[in-house]
Amino acid sequence: MGDGWLRNPQDGWTYRFQRDEKSWSVDPRVFVDKGRAMPDGSPALLKTRKHLRRERAEGMWKDLVRKGWEKVPAVWGADAEP
């Protein structure tokens, strides 16, 4: 699993899935952040962060896609387009 973003098209909440590089070789884990981009260019509103085992994060991703969440480009952070 690499990094990825999923957005709920109905309410705009977004999940960011990001590898935890420090644990990846021994016990693969993923940071899962839930947040929303702010319309006025302010920093993103981050609501939660989970630190999940890779298998659990992959299951969460698949479940969200089944529920209609859409894959999107980076919404916040260094990779987000201004």
Foldseek 3Di string as FASTA:
>chain_A
DAWFKWADVVPQKMWTWHWPVVCCVPFTKIKIWIWHADPVRDAIGTDDIDIGGPVVVVVVVVVVVVVPIDTDFDDGDPRDDD
